[in-house]
Each structure stands twice: as structure tokens, then as C-alpha cells.
Amino acid sequence: MQRLEWSPLLETGVAEMDASHRTLLQAIHATIDADDSSLPSRIAELLSALALDFAEEEALMDQLYYPTEHEHRAAHRRALAALQHALPVAQADPAGARSLLERLPRWFLGHLSAMDLPLAVAVENAGHPHTQPPNARLRQQLALLLQEQSI
């Protein structure tokens, strides 16, 4: 399995989201790399990290009256449910749990690009107070595309 490493290409342009995402990616890899005996506790820690990240994003959506909030929240619920399912599986069948966990980096990248980048653009467009890192390339490219399309 190829490892997804944090890079400026993954930045959304909202420093707070990016810091949370960086921590989340580290937690994903720590869970994948865990030995069988510590796998259930790592999954529980990852669940907590995901829940925190999702709560922060959902608070942003609430403040912005974000138009696709329902879909974004549903994606969060599905991710948490899948990981909660892996917790008892990890206790009985660590190899079975790992097959799910190894999909997490791909899920993370898909969620980041399909859900979190548009949210970051909405934060920017709403003038919501945030800190933008200088090299948020994906967010900048999406913002330009949306401007070109008058979206």
C-alpha cells in the first residue's frame, strides 16, 4: 500500500482545517501501522480524532449556512459508522479490520477533494475569519475554476 504523506498540495487554504487534516492523516497512518494488540485502541483514538475534525467542519458549515451541509454531514456519518464497525472486527480479526483501514488514505483524499475543498472556498468567499497558508494550491485552483465558471 502506498502511503499518503502530507504536502502543500493537500492544503485547503484554511489553516485550521489543514492543521486538523494533518493530525488526522497522522492518526490514520498510526492506526494502519499499529500492531494487532494495539489496533483496537488506535481505532478508538482515530474515531475520536475524526469526530473532532468533523465537529469543527460542521460548526463552520453552521456558521456559513453551507448549501451542501446535509451531504457533507452524511459523508461524515458514513465514515464514522464504517470505522465504528472496524472496532469490534479488530478485536476478533485484525486482518479483516486492516482491509478496511487500508482504504482510509484513499477515502481521506476523496473526502478532502470532494467535500472539504468546496467548504474551504465557501469559508474564503464568506469572508469568514481564517488563516490562509501561502501555498494552498488545490483550494486556489478550485477557487479560480469556480470564478471562471461563475459558480
N, C-alpha and C. Protein backbone atom coordinates (compact mmCIF):
# COMPACT_ATOMS: atom_id res chain seq x y z
N MET A 1 0.84 -1.18 0.00
CA MET A 1 0.00 0.00 0.00
C MET A 1 0.89 1.25 0.00
N GLN A 2 0.59 2.17 -0.90
CA GLN A 2 1.35 3.41 -0.96
C GLN A 2 0.84 4.35 0.13
N ARG A 3 1.77 5.01 0.77
CA ARG A 3 1.45 5.89 1.89
C ARG A 3 1.15 7.31 1.37
N LEU A 4 0.09 7.89 1.88
CA LEU A 4 -0.26 9.28 1.54
C LEU A 4 0.40 10.19 2.56
N GLU A 5 1.35 10.97 2.12
CA GLU A 5 2.06 11.89 3.02
C GLU A 5 1.48 13.29 2.86
N TRP A 6 1.48 14.03 3.94
CA TRP A 6 1.00 15.42 3.91
C TRP A 6 1.93 16.25 3.04
N SER A 7 1.35 17.12 2.24
CA SER A 7 2.13 18.05 1.43
C SER A 7 1.30 19.32 1.22
N PRO A 8 1.93 20.38 0.76
CA PRO A 8 1.17 21.61 0.48
C PRO A 8 0.05 21.40 -0.53
N LEU A 9 0.15 20.37 -1.36
CA LEU A 9 -0.91 20.09 -2.32
C LEU A 9 -2.22 19.70 -1.65
N LEU A 10 -2.15 19.26 -0.40
CA LEU A 10 -3.35 18.85 0.32
C LEU A 10 -3.98 19.98 1.11
N GLU A 11 -3.36 21.15 1.11
CA GLU A 11 -3.88 22.26 1.89
C GLU A 11 -5.14 22.84 1.25
N THR A 12 -6.10 23.13 2.09
CA THR A 12 -7.36 23.71 1.62
C THR A 12 -7.32 25.22 1.54
N GLY A 13 -6.39 25.81 2.28
CA GLY A 13 -6.33 27.26 2.36
C GLY A 13 -6.90 27.79 3.65
N VAL A 14 -7.49 26.94 4.46
CA VAL A 14 -7.98 27.33 5.78
C VAL A 14 -7.06 26.63 6.78
N ALA A 15 -6.18 27.40 7.39
CA ALA A 15 -5.11 26.82 8.22
C ALA A 15 -5.65 25.92 9.32
N GLU A 16 -6.77 26.30 9.90
CA GLU A 16 -7.36 25.49 10.97
C GLU A 16 -7.78 24.12 10.45
N MET A 17 -8.40 24.08 9.28
CA MET A 17 -8.78 22.80 8.68
C MET A 17 -7.54 22.00 8.31
N ASP A 18 -6.54 22.69 7.76
CA ASP A 18 -5.32 22.00 7.35
C ASP A 18 -4.60 21.38 8.53
N ALA A 19 -4.55 22.08 9.66
CA ALA A 19 -3.90 21.53 10.85
C ALA A 19 -4.65 20.28 11.32
N SER A 20 -5.96 20.35 11.31
CA SER A 20 -6.76 19.21 11.72
C SER A 20 -6.58 18.04 10.75
N HIS A 21 -6.54 18.33 9.46
CA HIS A 21 -6.36 17.28 8.47
C HIS A 21 -4.97 16.64 8.59
N ARG A 22 -3.97 17.43 8.86
CA ARG A 22 -2.62 16.89 9.04
C ARG A 22 -2.60 15.91 10.22
N THR A 23 -3.22 16.32 11.33
CA THR A 23 -3.30 15.46 12.51
C THR A 23 -4.09 14.19 12.19
N LEU A 24 -5.16 14.34 11.45
CA LEU A 24 -5.99 13.21 11.07
C LEU A 24 -5.22 12.22 10.20
N LEU A 25 -4.46 12.72 9.24
CA LEU A 25 -3.68 11.84 8.38
C LEU A 25 -2.62 11.08 9.19
N GLN A 26 -2.01 11.76 10.16
CA GLN A 26 -1.06 11.08 11.05
C GLN A 26 -1.76 9.98 11.85
N ALA A 27 -2.96 10.26 12.34
CA ALA A 27 -3.71 9.26 13.10
C ALA A 27 -4.11 8.08 12.22
N ILE A 28 -4.45 8.34 10.97
CA ILE A 28 -4.78 7.26 10.03
C ILE A 28 -3.57 6.34 9.88
N HIS A 29 -2.41 6.92 9.64
CA HIS A 29 -1.22 6.09 9.45
C HIS A 29 -0.79 5.38 10.73
N ALA A 30 -0.94 6.03 11.87
CA ALA A 30 -0.62 5.37 13.14
C ALA A 30 -1.54 4.17 13.35
N THR A 31 -2.78 4.28 12.93
CA THR A 31 -3.72 3.17 13.07
C THR A 31 -3.35 2.04 12.12
N ILE A 32 -3.07 2.38 10.88
CA ILE A 32 -2.68 1.36 9.89
C ILE A 32 -1.40 0.64 10.33
N ASP A 33 -0.47 1.39 10.90
CA ASP A 33 0.83 0.83 11.30
C ASP A 33 0.81 0.09 12.64
N ALA A 34 -0.31 0.17 13.37
CA ALA A 34 -0.38 -0.42 14.71
C ALA A 34 -0.26 -1.95 14.64
N ASP A 35 0.34 -2.52 15.69
CA ASP A 35 0.37 -3.98 15.78
C ASP A 35 -1.01 -4.48 16.19
N ASP A 36 -1.22 -5.77 16.04
CA ASP A 36 -2.55 -6.33 16.29
C ASP A 36 -3.08 -6.04 17.69
N SER A 37 -2.20 -6.09 18.69
CA SER A 37 -2.67 -5.90 20.07
C SER A 37 -3.12 -4.48 20.35
N SER A 38 -2.52 -3.50 19.67
CA SER A 38 -2.90 -2.10 19.92
C SER A 38 -3.88 -1.57 18.87
N LEU A 39 -4.25 -2.40 17.91
CA LEU A 39 -5.14 -1.93 16.84
C LEU A 39 -6.48 -1.41 17.35
N PRO A 40 -7.17 -2.11 18.25
CA PRO A 40 -8.46 -1.57 18.73
C PRO A 40 -8.32 -0.20 19.41
N SER A 41 -7.28 0.00 20.21
CA SER A 41 -7.13 1.30 20.87
C SER A 41 -6.77 2.39 19.85
N ARG A 42 -6.00 2.04 18.84
CA ARG A 42 -5.68 3.02 17.79
C ARG A 42 -6.93 3.40 17.00
N ILE A 43 -7.78 2.42 16.73
CA ILE A 43 -9.03 2.73 16.02
C ILE A 43 -9.89 3.65 16.87
N ALA A 44 -9.96 3.39 18.17
CA ALA A 44 -10.73 4.27 19.06
C ALA A 44 -10.16 5.68 19.06
N GLU A 45 -8.84 5.81 19.06
CA GLU A 45 -8.22 7.14 19.00
C GLU A 45 -8.52 7.82 17.67
N LEU A 46 -8.49 7.05 16.59
CA LEU A 46 -8.81 7.61 15.27
C LEU A 46 -10.27 8.05 15.21
N LEU A 47 -11.16 7.27 15.80
CA LEU A 47 -12.57 7.68 15.86
C LEU A 47 -12.71 9.02 16.57
N SER A 48 -11.99 9.20 17.67
CA SER A 48 -12.05 10.47 18.40
C SER A 48 -11.52 11.61 17.55
N ALA A 49 -10.41 11.38 16.87
CA ALA A 49 -9.82 12.43 16.01
C ALA A 49 -10.76 12.79 14.87
N LEU A 50 -11.38 11.77 14.27
CA LEU A 50 -12.35 12.03 13.19
C LEU A 50 -13.55 12.80 13.71
N ALA A 51 -14.07 12.40 14.85
CA ALA A 51 -15.24 13.08 15.41
C ALA A 51 -14.93 14.55 15.69
N LEU A 52 -13.74 14.83 16.19
CA LEU A 52 -13.34 16.21 16.45
C LEU A 52 -13.22 17.01 15.15
N ASP A 53 -12.56 16.43 14.15
CA ASP A 53 -12.42 17.10 12.86
C ASP A 53 -13.80 17.37 12.25
N PHE A 54 -14.66 16.38 12.29
CA PHE A 54 -16.00 16.53 11.72
C PHE A 54 -16.80 17.59 12.47
N ALA A 55 -16.69 17.62 13.78
CA ALA A 55 -17.42 18.63 14.58
C ALA A 55 -16.95 20.03 14.22
N GLU A 56 -15.65 20.21 14.02
CA GLU A 56 -15.12 21.53 13.64
C GLU A 56 -15.65 21.94 12.26
N GLU A 57 -15.64 21.01 11.32
CA GLU A 57 -16.15 21.33 9.98
C GLU A 57 -17.65 21.64 10.03
N GLU A 58 -18.38 20.88 10.81
CA GLU A 58 -19.82 21.09 10.89
C GLU A 58 -20.16 22.41 11.57
N ALA A 59 -19.34 22.82 12.52
CA ALA A 59 -19.54 24.14 13.14
C ALA A 59 -19.33 25.24 12.10
N LEU A 60 -18.32 25.08 11.25
CA LEU A 60 -18.09 26.04 10.16
C LEU A 60 -19.30 26.08 9.23
N MET A 61 -19.80 24.91 8.87
CA MET A 61 -20.96 24.85 7.97
C MET A 61 -22.16 25.55 8.59
N ASP A 62 -22.36 25.36 9.89
CA ASP A 62 -23.47 26.03 10.58
C ASP A 62 -23.34 27.55 10.50
N GLN A 63 -22.14 28.05 10.68
CA GLN A 63 -21.91 29.50 10.65
C GLN A 63 -22.11 30.07 9.26
N LEU A 64 -21.85 29.26 8.23
CA LEU A 64 -21.92 29.75 6.85
C LEU A 64 -23.26 29.49 6.18
N TYR A 65 -24.15 28.76 6.85
CA TYR A 65 -25.37 28.30 6.18
C TYR A 65 -25.00 27.62 4.87
N TYR A 66 -24.11 26.68 4.97
CA TYR A 66 -23.48 26.00 3.84
C TYR A 66 -24.51 25.19 3.04
N PRO A 67 -24.61 25.39 1.72
CA PRO A 67 -25.69 24.78 0.94
C PRO A 67 -25.65 23.26 0.85
N THR A 68 -24.48 22.65 0.88
CA THR A 68 -24.41 21.18 0.80
C THR A 68 -24.08 20.57 2.16
N GLU A 69 -24.50 21.26 3.20
CA GLU A 69 -24.23 20.80 4.56
C GLU A 69 -24.79 19.39 4.80
N HIS A 70 -25.98 19.13 4.32
CA HIS A 70 -26.62 17.83 4.55
C HIS A 70 -25.77 16.69 3.98
N GLU A 71 -25.31 16.85 2.75
CA GLU A 71 -24.49 15.82 2.11
C GLU A 71 -23.15 15.65 2.81
N HIS A 72 -22.57 16.75 3.24
CA HIS A 72 -21.27 16.71 3.92
C HIS A 72 -21.42 16.00 5.26
N ARG A 73 -22.46 16.34 6.01
CA ARG A 73 -22.70 15.67 7.29
C ARG A 73 -22.96 14.17 7.09
N ALA A 74 -23.70 13.83 6.05
CA ALA A 74 -23.98 12.41 5.76
C ALA A 74 -22.68 11.66 5.46
N ALA A 75 -21.77 12.29 4.75
CA ALA A 75 -20.46 11.67 4.47
C ALA A 75 -19.70 11.44 5.78
N HIS A 76 -19.80 12.39 6.69
CA HIS A 76 -19.16 12.23 8.00
C HIS A 76 -19.76 11.03 8.75
N ARG A 77 -21.07 10.94 8.76
CA ARG A 77 -21.73 9.84 9.47
C ARG A 77 -21.34 8.48 8.88
N ARG A 78 -21.26 8.41 7.56
CA ARG A 78 -20.87 7.14 6.92
C ARG A 78 -19.44 6.75 7.30
N ALA A 79 -18.54 7.71 7.31
CA ALA A 79 -17.14 7.42 7.66
C ALA A 79 -17.04 6.94 9.10
N LEU A 80 -17.73 7.62 10.01
CA LEU A 80 -17.69 7.22 11.42
C LEU A 80 -18.31 5.83 11.60
N ALA A 81 -19.40 5.55 10.91
CA ALA A 81 -20.05 4.25 11.04
C ALA A 81 -19.14 3.13 10.55
N ALA A 82 -18.45 3.36 9.43
CA ALA A 82 -17.53 2.34 8.91
C ALA A 82 -16.40 2.07 9.89
N LEU A 83 -15.87 3.11 10.47
CA LEU A 83 -14.77 2.94 11.41
C LEU A 83 -15.27 2.32 12.72
N GLN A 84 -16.46 2.67 13.15
CA GLN A 84 -17.02 2.04 14.34
C GLN A 84 -17.23 0.54 14.12
N HIS A 85 -17.56 0.17 12.89
CA HIS A 85 -17.71 -1.25 12.55
C HIS A 85 -16.36 -1.96 12.64
N ALA A 86 -15.28 -1.27 12.31
CA ALA A 86 -13.96 -1.89 12.33
C ALA A 86 -13.47 -2.16 13.75
N LEU A 87 -13.99 -1.45 14.73
CA LEU A 87 -13.51 -1.61 16.10
C LEU A 87 -13.73 -3.03 16.64
N PRO A 88 -14.95 -3.57 16.63
CA PRO A 88 -15.10 -4.95 17.11
C PRO A 88 -14.43 -5.97 16.19
N VAL A 89 -14.38 -5.66 14.90
CA VAL A 89 -13.71 -6.57 13.97
C VAL A 89 -12.22 -6.67 14.32
N ALA A 90 -11.61 -5.55 14.69
CA ALA A 90 -10.18 -5.53 15.03
C ALA A 90 -9.87 -6.43 16.21
N GLN A 91 -10.81 -6.55 17.13
CA GLN A 91 -10.60 -7.40 18.30
C GLN A 91 -10.64 -8.88 17.93
N ALA A 92 -11.50 -9.25 16.99
CA ALA A 92 -11.66 -10.65 16.61
C ALA A 92 -10.81 -11.05 15.41
N ASP A 93 -10.64 -10.10 14.47
CA ASP A 93 -9.97 -10.41 13.21
C ASP A 93 -9.18 -9.19 12.74
N PRO A 94 -7.99 -8.97 13.30
CA PRO A 94 -7.21 -7.79 12.93
C PRO A 94 -6.96 -7.68 11.43
N ALA A 95 -6.75 -8.81 10.76
CA ALA A 95 -6.51 -8.76 9.31
C ALA A 95 -7.74 -8.23 8.58
N GLY A 96 -8.92 -8.63 9.03
CA GLY A 96 -10.14 -8.12 8.43
C GLY A 96 -10.30 -6.63 8.63
N ALA A 97 -9.96 -6.16 9.82
CA ALA A 97 -10.04 -4.72 10.10
C ALA A 97 -9.05 -3.95 9.25
N ARG A 98 -7.86 -4.53 9.05
CA ARG A 98 -6.84 -3.84 8.25
C ARG A 98 -7.28 -3.64 6.81
N SER A 99 -8.07 -4.58 6.28
CA SER A 99 -8.53 -4.40 4.90
C SER A 99 -9.39 -3.14 4.77
N LEU A 100 -10.14 -2.82 5.81
CA LEU A 100 -10.90 -1.57 5.82
C LEU A 100 -9.98 -0.38 6.04
N LEU A 101 -9.10 -0.50 7.00
CA LEU A 101 -8.21 0.62 7.35
C LEU A 101 -7.31 1.04 6.20
N GLU A 102 -6.91 0.09 5.38
CA GLU A 102 -6.03 0.41 4.26
C GLU A 102 -6.72 1.26 3.21
N ARG A 103 -8.03 1.36 3.27
CA ARG A 103 -8.79 2.22 2.35
C ARG A 103 -8.88 3.66 2.84
N LEU A 104 -8.51 3.89 4.09
CA LEU A 104 -8.68 5.23 4.67
C LEU A 104 -7.90 6.34 3.96
N PRO A 105 -6.64 6.14 3.57
CA PRO A 105 -5.97 7.25 2.86
C PRO A 105 -6.69 7.65 1.57
N ARG A 106 -7.19 6.67 0.84
CA ARG A 106 -7.93 6.99 -0.39
C ARG A 106 -9.23 7.72 -0.05
N TRP A 107 -9.93 7.24 1.01
CA TRP A 107 -11.14 7.93 1.45
C TRP A 107 -10.80 9.37 1.84
N PHE A 108 -9.74 9.55 2.61
CA PHE A 108 -9.33 10.88 3.07
C PHE A 108 -9.13 11.81 1.88
N LEU A 109 -8.41 11.35 0.88
CA LEU A 109 -8.14 12.17 -0.30
C LEU A 109 -9.44 12.50 -1.04
N GLY A 110 -10.32 11.53 -1.18
CA GLY A 110 -11.60 11.77 -1.85
C GLY A 110 -12.46 12.76 -1.08
N HIS A 111 -12.52 12.59 0.24
CA HIS A 111 -13.32 13.50 1.07
C HIS A 111 -12.75 14.92 1.02
N LEU A 112 -11.44 15.00 1.10
CA LEU A 112 -10.77 16.30 1.05
C LEU A 112 -11.11 17.03 -0.24
N SER A 113 -11.00 16.33 -1.36
CA SER A 113 -11.22 16.99 -2.65
C SER A 113 -12.69 17.25 -2.94
N ALA A 114 -13.57 16.32 -2.59
CA ALA A 114 -14.99 16.47 -2.94
C ALA A 114 -15.78 17.28 -1.93
N MET A 115 -15.40 17.24 -0.66
CA MET A 115 -16.20 17.88 0.38
C MET A 115 -15.50 19.07 1.04
N ASP A 116 -14.24 18.88 1.42
CA ASP A 116 -13.57 19.90 2.23
C ASP A 116 -13.04 21.07 1.41
N LEU A 117 -12.59 20.83 0.18
CA LEU A 117 -12.14 21.97 -0.63
C LEU A 117 -13.28 22.94 -0.95
N PRO A 118 -14.46 22.44 -1.35
CA PRO A 118 -15.56 23.39 -1.54
C PRO A 118 -15.94 24.13 -0.26
N LEU A 119 -15.86 23.46 0.88
CA LEU A 119 -16.12 24.14 2.15
C LEU A 119 -15.09 25.25 2.39
N ALA A 120 -13.83 24.96 2.09
CA ALA A 120 -12.77 25.97 2.26
C ALA A 120 -13.02 27.18 1.35
N VAL A 121 -13.47 26.92 0.14
CA VAL A 121 -13.79 28.02 -0.78
C VAL A 121 -14.96 28.84 -0.22
N ALA A 122 -15.95 28.17 0.36
CA ALA A 122 -17.08 28.88 0.96
C ALA A 122 -16.62 29.74 2.13
N VAL A 123 -15.69 29.22 2.94
CA VAL A 123 -15.12 30.00 4.05
C VAL A 123 -14.47 31.25 3.49
N GLU A 124 -13.68 31.09 2.45
CA GLU A 124 -12.98 32.22 1.82
C GLU A 124 -13.99 33.23 1.25
N ASN A 125 -14.96 32.73 0.51
CA ASN A 125 -15.93 33.62 -0.14
C ASN A 125 -16.82 34.36 0.86
N ALA A 126 -17.06 33.75 2.00
CA ALA A 126 -17.91 34.37 3.02
C ALA A 126 -17.15 35.39 3.85
N GLY A 127 -15.85 35.46 3.65
CA GLY A 127 -15.05 36.38 4.44
C GLY A 127 -14.97 35.94 5.89
N HIS A 128 -15.21 34.66 6.14
CA HIS A 128 -15.14 34.12 7.50
C HIS A 128 -13.70 34.24 8.00
N PRO A 129 -13.50 34.66 9.24
CA PRO A 129 -12.13 34.80 9.73
C PRO A 129 -11.40 33.45 9.72
N HIS A 130 -10.30 33.42 9.06
CA HIS A 130 -9.47 32.22 9.00
C HIS A 130 -8.05 32.63 8.62
N THR A 131 -7.16 31.70 8.73
CA THR A 131 -5.78 31.94 8.35
C THR A 131 -5.49 31.11 7.12
N GLN A 132 -5.01 31.76 6.06
CA GLN A 132 -4.74 31.05 4.82
C GLN A 132 -3.24 30.84 4.65
N PRO A 133 -2.81 29.57 4.54
CA PRO A 133 -1.39 29.34 4.27
C PRO A 133 -1.05 29.81 2.86
N PRO A 134 0.20 30.19 2.61
CA PRO A 134 0.56 30.78 1.33
C PRO A 134 0.50 29.82 0.14
N ASN A 135 0.60 28.52 0.36
CA ASN A 135 0.69 27.59 -0.76
C ASN A 135 -0.49 26.64 -0.84
N ALA A 136 -1.69 27.14 -0.68
CA ALA A 136 -2.88 26.30 -0.73
C ALA A 136 -3.28 26.11 -2.19
N ARG A 137 -2.54 25.31 -2.89
CA ARG A 137 -2.69 25.20 -4.35
C ARG A 137 -4.03 24.61 -4.78
N LEU A 138 -4.46 23.54 -4.16
CA LEU A 138 -5.72 22.93 -4.58
C LEU A 138 -6.89 23.88 -4.38
N ARG A 139 -6.94 24.54 -3.23
CA ARG A 139 -8.02 25.47 -2.96
C ARG A 139 -7.97 26.64 -3.94
N GLN A 140 -6.78 27.14 -4.22
CA GLN A 140 -6.65 28.25 -5.17
C GLN A 140 -7.11 27.83 -6.56
N GLN A 141 -6.75 26.62 -6.97
CA GLN A 141 -7.17 26.14 -8.28
C GLN A 141 -8.69 25.98 -8.34
N LEU A 142 -9.28 25.46 -7.28
CA LEU A 142 -10.73 25.31 -7.26
C LEU A 142 -11.42 26.66 -7.26
N ALA A 143 -10.90 27.61 -6.50
CA ALA A 143 -11.50 28.95 -6.46
C ALA A 143 -11.45 29.60 -7.85
N LEU A 144 -10.32 29.46 -8.54
CA LEU A 144 -10.20 30.00 -9.89
C LEU A 144 -11.19 29.34 -10.85
N LEU A 145 -11.30 28.04 -10.76
CA LEU A 145 -12.24 27.32 -11.61
C LEU A 145 -13.66 27.79 -11.35
N LEU A 146 -14.02 27.95 -10.09
CA LEU A 146 -15.37 28.39 -9.76
C LEU A 146 -15.61 29.82 -10.25
N GLN A 147 -14.58 30.67 -10.18
CA GLN A 147 -14.73 32.04 -10.70
C GLN A 147 -14.91 32.01 -12.20
N GLU A 148 -14.14 31.18 -12.89
CA GLU A 148 -14.25 31.09 -14.34
C GLU A 148 -15.63 30.59 -14.78
N GLN A 149 -16.19 29.69 -13.97
CA GLN A 149 -17.49 29.13 -14.29
C GLN A 149 -18.63 29.98 -13.72
N SER A 150 -18.29 31.07 -13.03
CA SER A 150 -19.27 31.94 -12.37
C SER A 150 -20.18 31.16 -11.42
N ILE A 151 -19.55 30.29 -10.66
CA ILE A 151 -20.30 29.48 -9.69
C ILE A 151 -20.21 30.13 -8.33
